[in-house]
Amino acid sequence: MPETSASRPASTILLLRDGTGVDGKSCAEVEVFMMVRHHQIEFNSGALVFPGGSVDAGDKEIIARPALYAGGEGLSESDLGFRIAAIRETFEESGILLAREKGSSAPVDAKRAGAIADAHRVALNEHKISFLSILSDNSLQLALDALVPYAHWITPEGMPKRFDTWFFLAAAPPDQLGAHDGRESTDSIWVSPREAVEGGESGRFKLPFPTTRNLIRLAKQPTVTSALDHARGMSIVTVMPVMTKTETGRQLRIPREAGYDGEVFEVGALG
C-alpha cells in the first residue's frame, strides 16, 4: 500500500441553474456546471468534475482583509479559507465570479464579470497577479454567503495524494455561463445530474466516486431553490471512504448517515 500522505484542504462548488426545456421554458430538472480535467493533470485526469482546488496562502491573505468579502460572520478562519478558495478556484477555472460590488446586494452582472475575467483570469492562472489584487482593484466583495455547505469528503488513507474537500452549492449568477480555462480543463458543460450519472455509467464520462454520489443526491432536487433549501437543512457528515480489495476490484465503505443511499459500494478498479 502506498505511504499515506497528509490531506490538503480543498474546496469545490456545484454551480446550479434551473434547466430549460426544448421550448426555452424552465423544466423540473436542475443543471450543474462541470468540466473535463486535462488528461495530463496528475489528479483525476480526464474526469468530469466540478470547479475547485486547494486552499492556498493567498486565500489566507484575503481572510485578513474582511473588507474583501461579505457573509463570513461567525465562520472560523478555516471555514473562511474553504469558501474563499472555492470562489477563487471557480473563477480561475470557469470565469464565473461569485462576488458583489462593494455596497451592493446583487451579484456582479455577467458583463462586468466577463470583463474582469478577460482582463485578469489568464494572469491569475499564471500567478502573475493575486486574487486579492483583483478584488481590491475592482472594488469587489466575495459573496461567501452565496455558498451552502453540501458535503465534506476526505481522500481515503493509503492514497499518495489526499484532499480534505468541502463541497458547496451555489446558484450561478444570472447569465454567467462559464467556460473552461483550456489549461487544467479541456471542456465544460451545463448538464443535469441525471445525465451526468448516466454518462458515467455508459462510459461517456469518467466520474470520480464522490462526484457520482453527490450528483445522485443532487438529482433528487428539481430546482435550484429546492436544492439550496435541502442543503441548508442538512447535517453534514464527514466521509472518508474505507477501501477494501475484492476479487473484482475495490469496495468502498462510507457512513450511511452521510445520506448517500448506501454504505458499501463496488467501484471496480481504482487508479
Protein backbone atom coordinates (compact mmCIF):
# COMPACT_ATOMS: atom_id res chain seq x y z
CA MET A 1 0.00 0.00 0.00
CA PRO A 2 1.37 3.49 -0.84
CA GLU A 3 2.53 5.64 2.03
CA THR A 4 -0.30 7.77 3.37
CA SER A 5 0.15 11.50 2.87
CA ALA A 6 -1.47 14.32 4.79
CA SER A 7 -4.71 15.63 3.29
CA ARG A 8 -4.64 19.11 1.73
CA PRO A 9 -7.56 21.49 2.36
CA ALA A 10 -9.58 21.96 -0.83
CA SER A 11 -12.97 23.21 -1.98
CA THR A 12 -15.35 22.72 -4.87
CA ILE A 13 -18.61 24.35 -5.94
CA LEU A 14 -21.63 22.80 -7.58
CA LEU A 15 -22.84 25.81 -9.59
CA LEU A 16 -26.54 25.40 -10.27
CA ARG A 17 -29.11 26.80 -12.66
CA ASP A 18 -32.68 25.76 -13.43
CA GLY A 19 -32.90 23.60 -16.52
CA THR A 20 -34.61 24.67 -19.70
CA GLY A 21 -36.80 22.55 -21.91
CA VAL A 22 -36.86 22.47 -25.70
CA ASP A 23 -39.26 25.44 -25.70
CA GLY A 24 -36.85 27.56 -23.66
CA LYS A 25 -39.04 27.43 -20.58
CA SER A 26 -37.80 26.10 -17.27
CA CYS A 27 -38.16 22.38 -16.69
CA ALA A 28 -38.17 20.36 -13.50
CA GLU A 29 -34.50 19.39 -13.69
CA VAL A 30 -31.64 21.36 -12.23
CA GLU A 31 -28.37 21.72 -14.16
CA VAL A 32 -24.83 21.87 -12.80
CA PHE A 33 -21.64 23.29 -14.34
CA MET A 34 -18.93 20.66 -14.86
CA MET A 35 -15.55 20.47 -16.57
CA VAL A 36 -13.32 17.79 -18.06
CA ARG A 37 -9.91 17.82 -16.43
CA HIS A 38 -6.88 17.83 -18.71
CA HIS A 39 -5.52 14.35 -19.44
CA GLN A 40 -2.04 15.41 -18.34
CA ILE A 41 -3.19 16.58 -14.91
CA GLU A 42 -1.91 14.21 -12.23
CA PHE A 43 -5.08 14.07 -10.11
CA ASN A 44 -8.36 12.88 -11.70
CA SER A 45 -7.00 13.31 -15.25
CA GLY A 46 -9.74 13.24 -17.86
CA ALA A 47 -12.50 13.22 -15.26
CA LEU A 48 -15.72 15.23 -15.36
CA VAL A 49 -15.63 17.33 -12.18
CA PHE A 50 -16.96 20.46 -10.50
CA PRO A 51 -14.66 23.51 -10.46
CA GLY A 52 -12.43 23.67 -7.40
CA GLY A 53 -8.98 23.16 -5.94
CA SER A 54 -6.69 23.59 -2.97
CA VAL A 55 -6.75 26.36 -0.37
CA ASP A 56 -3.58 28.43 -0.80
CA ALA A 57 -1.61 31.12 1.01
CA GLY A 58 -3.31 33.89 -0.98
CA ASP A 59 -6.69 32.81 0.39
CA LYS A 60 -5.36 33.29 3.91
CA GLU A 61 -4.22 36.81 2.99
CA ILE A 62 -7.78 37.61 1.93
CA ILE A 63 -9.07 36.33 5.28
CA ALA A 64 -7.05 39.11 6.92
CA ARG A 65 -8.88 41.70 4.77
CA PRO A 66 -12.58 41.46 5.83
CA ALA A 67 -13.49 44.35 3.52
CA LEU A 68 -12.91 41.96 0.60
CA TYR A 69 -15.72 39.55 1.49
CA ALA A 70 -19.25 39.54 2.87
CA GLY A 71 -21.26 36.87 4.62
CA GLY A 72 -18.42 35.45 6.68
CA GLU A 73 -19.83 36.37 10.05
CA GLY A 74 -19.38 33.64 12.65
CA LEU A 75 -17.16 31.50 10.43
CA SER A 76 -13.82 30.20 11.67
CA GLU A 77 -10.60 31.06 9.84
CA SER A 78 -10.59 27.53 8.42
CA ASP A 79 -14.16 27.85 7.14
CA LEU A 80 -13.38 31.23 5.59
CA GLY A 81 -10.41 29.70 3.79
CA PHE A 82 -12.51 26.92 2.29
CA ARG A 83 -15.11 29.38 0.98
CA ILE A 84 -12.62 31.91 -0.38
CA ALA A 85 -10.69 29.15 -2.13
CA ALA A 86 -13.92 27.77 -3.59
CA ILE A 87 -14.82 31.12 -5.18
CA ARG A 88 -11.26 31.83 -6.38
CA GLU A 89 -10.81 28.38 -7.93
CA THR A 90 -14.21 28.61 -9.60
CA PHE A 91 -13.27 31.97 -11.12
CA GLU A 92 -9.89 30.63 -12.27
CA GLU A 93 -11.37 27.52 -13.83
CA SER A 94 -14.72 28.74 -15.18
CA GLY A 95 -14.67 32.55 -15.22
CA ILE A 96 -17.83 32.57 -13.05
CA LEU A 97 -17.44 35.13 -10.29
CA LEU A 98 -19.44 34.91 -7.06
CA ALA A 99 -18.92 38.47 -5.89
CA ARG A 100 -20.68 41.81 -5.48
CA GLU A 101 -19.71 45.40 -5.99
CA LYS A 102 -18.96 46.96 -2.60
CA GLY A 103 -22.17 48.29 -1.13
CA SER A 104 -24.38 46.21 -3.43
CA SER A 105 -26.52 43.20 -2.55
CA ALA A 106 -26.74 41.99 -6.17
CA PRO A 107 -24.26 39.60 -7.83
CA VAL A 108 -21.76 41.11 -10.24
CA ASP A 109 -23.53 41.05 -13.60
CA ALA A 110 -22.36 38.89 -16.46
CA LYS A 111 -20.87 41.75 -18.49
CA ARG A 112 -18.78 43.02 -15.56
CA ALA A 113 -17.70 39.52 -14.56
CA GLY A 114 -16.72 38.81 -18.15
CA ALA A 115 -14.65 41.98 -18.38
CA ILE A 116 -12.82 41.13 -15.14
CA ALA A 117 -12.18 37.59 -16.37
CA ASP A 118 -10.91 38.82 -19.74
CA ALA A 119 -8.56 41.27 -18.05
CA HIS A 120 -7.20 39.10 -15.25
CA ARG A 121 -8.03 35.40 -15.49
CA VAL A 122 -5.01 34.32 -17.53
CA ALA A 123 -2.63 36.32 -15.33
CA LEU A 124 -4.24 34.85 -12.21
CA ASN A 125 -3.82 31.31 -13.52
CA GLU A 126 -0.18 32.08 -14.35
CA HIS A 127 0.37 33.51 -10.83
CA LYS A 128 1.22 36.93 -12.24
CA ILE A 129 -1.50 38.65 -10.21
CA SER A 130 -3.20 37.79 -6.93
CA PHE A 131 -6.91 37.28 -6.41
CA LEU A 132 -6.63 39.79 -3.56
CA SER A 133 -5.42 42.44 -6.00
CA ILE A 134 -8.22 41.71 -8.46
CA LEU A 135 -10.83 42.13 -5.72
CA SER A 136 -9.24 45.26 -4.29
CA ASP A 137 -8.60 46.96 -7.64
CA ASN A 138 -12.18 46.32 -8.79
CA SER A 139 -13.91 47.22 -5.50
CA LEU A 140 -15.39 43.76 -5.14
CA GLN A 141 -16.52 41.66 -2.19
CA LEU A 142 -16.68 37.88 -2.37
CA ALA A 143 -20.21 36.59 -1.75
CA LEU A 144 -19.34 33.98 0.86
CA ASP A 145 -22.99 33.77 1.89
CA ALA A 146 -23.88 32.53 -1.61
CA LEU A 147 -22.24 29.20 -0.74
CA VAL A 148 -24.24 26.50 1.06
CA PRO A 149 -22.22 23.58 2.54
CA TYR A 150 -23.24 20.34 0.85
CA ALA A 151 -20.66 17.66 1.65
CA HIS A 152 -17.29 17.03 3.26
CA TRP A 153 -15.07 14.29 1.82
CA ILE A 154 -11.54 13.22 2.76
CA THR A 155 -9.49 11.03 0.41
CA PRO A 156 -9.04 7.52 1.85
CA GLU A 157 -5.90 6.68 3.78
CA GLY A 158 -3.27 4.87 1.76
CA MET A 159 -3.62 7.12 -1.29
CA PRO A 160 -0.47 9.03 -2.32
CA LYS A 161 -2.37 12.29 -2.92
CA ARG A 162 -5.11 13.20 -0.46
CA PHE A 163 -7.55 16.09 -0.09
CA ASP A 164 -9.81 17.32 2.68
CA THR A 165 -12.56 18.76 0.48
CA TRP A 166 -15.66 20.79 1.19
CA PHE A 167 -18.39 20.75 -1.45
CA PHE A 168 -20.65 23.81 -1.67
CA LEU A 169 -23.82 24.54 -3.62
CA ALA A 170 -24.36 27.96 -5.20
CA ALA A 171 -26.82 29.43 -7.65
CA ALA A 172 -24.89 30.59 -10.71
CA PRO A 173 -25.22 34.37 -11.14
CA PRO A 174 -27.67 35.23 -13.95
CA ASP A 175 -26.20 34.90 -17.45
CA GLN A 176 -22.73 33.93 -16.20
CA LEU A 177 -22.38 30.83 -18.36
CA GLY A 178 -18.80 29.83 -17.58
CA ALA A 179 -16.05 28.45 -19.83
CA HIS A 180 -13.15 26.08 -19.19
CA ASP A 181 -9.66 27.56 -19.00
CA GLY A 182 -8.01 25.31 -21.59
CA ARG A 183 -5.22 24.56 -19.13
CA GLU A 184 -6.42 22.40 -16.26
CA SER A 185 -9.70 21.67 -18.04
CA THR A 186 -10.35 20.97 -21.72
CA ASP A 187 -14.14 21.11 -21.93
CA SER A 188 -17.11 22.37 -19.93
CA ILE A 189 -20.84 21.74 -19.95
CA TRP A 190 -24.04 22.53 -18.15
CA VAL A 191 -25.59 19.14 -17.52
CA SER A 192 -28.38 17.67 -15.44
CA PRO A 193 -27.13 15.44 -12.60
CA ARG A 194 -29.18 12.60 -14.08
CA GLU A 195 -27.49 12.91 -17.48
CA ALA A 196 -24.04 13.14 -15.90
CA VAL A 197 -24.61 9.98 -13.85
CA GLU A 198 -25.97 8.14 -16.89
CA GLY A 199 -22.89 9.27 -18.80
CA GLY A 200 -20.68 7.85 -16.09
CA GLU A 201 -22.49 4.51 -16.29
CA SER A 202 -22.28 4.37 -20.10
CA GLY A 203 -18.62 5.39 -20.29
CA ARG A 204 -19.34 8.76 -21.88
CA PHE A 205 -17.91 10.46 -18.78
CA LYS A 206 -15.26 9.50 -16.26
CA LEU A 207 -16.68 10.37 -12.85
CA PRO A 208 -14.80 10.22 -9.53
CA PHE A 209 -16.70 8.35 -6.82
CA PRO A 210 -17.51 11.41 -4.64
CA THR A 211 -18.69 13.29 -7.74
CA THR A 212 -21.07 10.46 -8.64
CA ARG A 213 -22.52 10.23 -5.15
CA ASN A 214 -23.13 13.99 -4.97
CA LEU A 215 -24.70 14.03 -8.44
CA ILE A 216 -27.09 11.23 -7.47
CA ARG A 217 -28.12 13.13 -4.36
CA LEU A 218 -28.49 16.40 -6.27
CA ALA A 219 -30.65 14.73 -8.95
CA LYS A 220 -33.44 14.37 -6.37
CA GLN A 221 -33.94 18.15 -6.37
CA PRO A 222 -35.89 19.58 -9.34
CA THR A 223 -34.93 23.25 -8.93
CA VAL A 224 -32.10 25.43 -7.66
CA THR A 225 -34.30 26.72 -4.84
CA SER A 226 -35.22 23.24 -3.66
CA ALA A 227 -31.59 22.10 -3.83
CA LEU A 228 -30.36 25.06 -1.77
CA ASP A 229 -33.20 24.69 0.76
CA HIS A 230 -32.46 20.98 1.14
CA ALA A 231 -28.76 21.67 1.66
CA ARG A 232 -29.45 24.32 4.31
CA GLY A 233 -31.42 21.77 6.29
CA MET A 234 -28.81 19.02 6.05
CA SER A 235 -26.43 17.88 8.74
CA ILE A 236 -23.03 17.40 7.09
CA VAL A 237 -21.34 14.09 7.94
CA THR A 238 -17.67 13.82 7.02
CA VAL A 239 -16.96 10.99 4.58
CA MET A 240 -13.58 9.27 4.43
CA PRO A 241 -14.16 6.07 2.46
CA VAL A 242 -12.52 2.88 3.66
CA MET A 243 -11.18 0.83 0.76
CA THR A 244 -11.19 -2.96 0.63
CA LYS A 245 -9.82 -5.04 -2.23
CA THR A 246 -12.20 -7.61 -3.72
CA GLU A 247 -11.93 -10.18 -6.49
CA THR A 248 -13.43 -7.72 -8.98
CA GLY A 249 -11.64 -4.54 -7.89
CA ARG A 250 -12.29 -2.47 -4.82
CA GLN A 251 -15.09 -1.78 -2.42
CA LEU A 252 -15.67 1.50 -0.62
CA ARG A 253 -17.47 1.83 2.68
CA ILE A 254 -18.86 5.22 3.75
CA PRO A 255 -21.04 6.29 6.69
CA ARG A 256 -24.71 5.51 5.99
CA GLU A 257 -25.71 8.66 7.91
CA ALA A 258 -23.90 10.79 5.30
CA GLY A 259 -27.05 10.49 3.19
CA TYR A 260 -25.82 8.77 0.03
CA ASP A 261 -28.39 5.95 -0.04
CA GLY A 262 -25.97 3.29 0.95
CA GLU A 263 -22.92 2.24 2.93
CA VAL A 264 -20.94 -0.23 0.76
CA PHE A 265 -20.26 0.43 -2.92
CA GLU A 266 -18.48 -1.71 -5.51
CA VAL A 267 -16.27 0.62 -7.54
CA GLY A 268 -14.16 -1.74 -9.61
CA ALA A 269 -10.51 -0.95 -10.17
CA LEU A 270 -9.24 2.38 -8.86
CA GLY A 271 -6.22 4.17 -10.27
